[in-house]
Amino acid sequence: MFTLDDKIDDTIKDDISVLIKAMSDIPSWVKEKHKLHQELISLLKKKKYMQFVGHTRSYHLTGIGDSCLYQVPLNRRGKLSVFRGKLIRVICISSGRYDRELMAGVVKHI
């Protein structure tokens, strides 16, 4: 589990951030926002992001399109153990009552 202090703001400017920004600019879930959401998921899959389910207490992301960076500790266990010692971006792609569907991938820079 990551603490809130572990959370790093996602300030990376890339094709993923462009889609996230475009989604956040649309206040309600209209056709265009759904299309952008599908494009985001496709792009993340293309970039080999790992998809998993997590709780808001563990990853501190609540809404679809929320993202942040985490430095994964070398002793990390569980779902993100494949990212030990790496800086990753975590993005919420679906929200439920308690759990969130998330995608995570290694980033090269901050």
Protein backbone atom coordinates (compact mmCIF):
# COMPACT_ATOMS: atom_id res chain seq x y z
CA MET A 1 0.00 0.00 0.00
CA PHE A 2 1.21 3.51 -0.79
CA THR A 3 0.69 6.37 1.63
CA LEU A 4 -0.63 9.73 0.53
CA ASP A 5 2.90 11.10 1.06
CA ASP A 6 4.20 8.63 -1.56
CA LYS A 7 1.92 10.12 -4.23
CA ILE A 8 3.72 12.30 -6.81
CA ASP A 9 1.76 14.69 -9.03
CA ASP A 10 1.61 13.52 -12.63
CA THR A 11 3.20 16.42 -14.52
CA ILE A 12 4.43 14.38 -17.49
CA LYS A 13 3.46 15.88 -20.86
CA ASP A 14 2.84 13.13 -23.38
CA ASP A 15 0.09 11.57 -25.49
CA ILE A 16 -1.46 9.99 -22.39
CA SER A 17 -1.67 13.33 -20.56
CA VAL A 18 -3.30 14.91 -23.64
CA LEU A 19 -6.13 12.36 -23.53
CA ILE A 20 -6.53 12.69 -19.76
CA LYS A 21 -6.74 16.49 -20.09
CA ALA A 22 -9.27 16.25 -22.93
CA MET A 23 -11.43 13.94 -20.79
CA SER A 24 -11.26 16.23 -17.77
CA ASP A 25 -12.32 19.20 -19.90
CA ILE A 26 -15.67 17.51 -20.60
CA PRO A 27 -17.79 17.73 -17.42
CA SER A 28 -20.31 14.95 -18.16
CA TRP A 29 -20.11 11.52 -19.73
CA VAL A 30 -21.25 12.40 -23.24
CA LYS A 31 -20.36 10.48 -26.40
CA GLU A 32 -17.09 12.38 -26.93
CA LYS A 33 -15.86 11.65 -23.41
CA HIS A 34 -16.65 7.94 -23.81
CA LYS A 35 -14.68 7.95 -27.07
CA LEU A 36 -11.69 9.61 -25.38
CA HIS A 37 -11.89 7.09 -22.54
CA GLN A 38 -11.71 4.19 -24.99
CA GLU A 39 -8.78 5.86 -26.78
CA LEU A 40 -6.98 6.22 -23.45
CA ILE A 41 -7.44 2.54 -22.58
CA SER A 42 -6.27 1.50 -26.06
CA LEU A 43 -3.20 3.72 -25.81
CA LEU A 44 -2.32 2.37 -22.36
CA LYS A 45 -2.63 -1.21 -23.62
CA LYS A 46 -0.46 -0.35 -26.64
CA LYS A 47 2.18 1.05 -24.26
CA LYS A 48 2.03 -2.23 -22.28
CA TYR A 49 0.49 -0.76 -19.12
CA MET A 50 -0.59 -3.42 -16.63
CA GLN A 51 -4.29 -3.50 -15.72
CA PHE A 52 -5.33 -4.38 -12.16
CA VAL A 53 -7.93 -3.69 -9.48
CA GLY A 54 -7.07 -1.58 -6.45
CA HIS A 55 -8.72 0.26 -3.58
CA THR A 56 -8.81 4.03 -3.20
CA ARG A 57 -7.04 3.71 0.17
CA SER A 58 -4.11 1.97 -1.49
CA TYR A 59 -3.62 4.15 -4.57
CA HIS A 60 -5.36 7.45 -3.66
CA LEU A 61 -7.15 7.76 -7.01
CA THR A 62 -10.90 8.18 -7.05
CA GLY A 63 -12.22 9.21 -10.46
CA ILE A 64 -11.80 7.96 -13.99
CA GLY A 65 -8.85 9.78 -15.53
CA ASP A 66 -7.14 10.51 -12.21
CA SER A 67 -3.44 9.76 -12.39
CA CYS A 68 -0.30 10.05 -10.31
CA LEU A 69 3.25 8.77 -10.08
CA TYR A 70 4.73 6.41 -7.49
CA GLN A 71 8.29 5.32 -6.84
CA VAL A 72 7.89 1.59 -6.23
CA PRO A 73 10.05 0.38 -3.32
CA LEU A 74 12.53 -2.46 -3.89
CA ASN A 75 10.70 -4.61 -1.33
CA ARG A 76 7.25 -4.11 -2.91
CA ARG A 77 5.01 -7.19 -2.86
CA GLY A 78 1.74 -7.87 -4.60
CA LYS A 79 0.42 -6.59 -7.90
CA LEU A 80 3.08 -3.96 -8.47
CA SER A 81 6.09 -6.07 -7.49
CA VAL A 82 7.04 -6.28 -11.19
CA PHE A 83 7.81 -2.55 -10.97
CA ARG A 84 10.23 -2.74 -8.01
CA GLY A 85 12.67 0.18 -7.99
CA LYS A 86 10.92 1.96 -10.85
CA LEU A 87 8.92 5.18 -11.21
CA ILE A 88 5.43 4.35 -12.44
CA ARG A 89 2.32 6.21 -13.53
CA VAL A 90 -0.98 4.85 -12.21
CA ILE A 91 -4.23 5.84 -13.94
CA CYS A 92 -7.81 5.14 -12.88
CA ILE A 93 -9.77 3.77 -15.85
CA SER A 94 -12.95 2.61 -14.10
CA SER A 95 -14.55 3.22 -10.73
CA GLY A 96 -16.82 1.10 -8.60
CA ARG A 97 -18.25 1.42 -5.13
CA TYR A 98 -14.99 0.59 -3.34
CA ASP A 99 -12.48 -0.65 -5.88
CA ARG A 100 -11.03 1.02 -8.95
CA GLU A 101 -9.74 -0.50 -12.14
CA LEU A 102 -6.27 0.90 -12.64
CA MET A 103 -3.49 0.71 -15.18
CA ALA A 104 0.19 1.18 -14.37
CA GLY A 105 3.31 1.53 -16.43
CA VAL A 106 6.93 2.61 -16.10
CA VAL A 107 7.76 6.23 -16.91
CA LYS A 108 11.16 7.40 -17.99
CA HIS A 109 11.17 10.88 -16.41
CA ILE A 110 9.32 13.27 -14.14
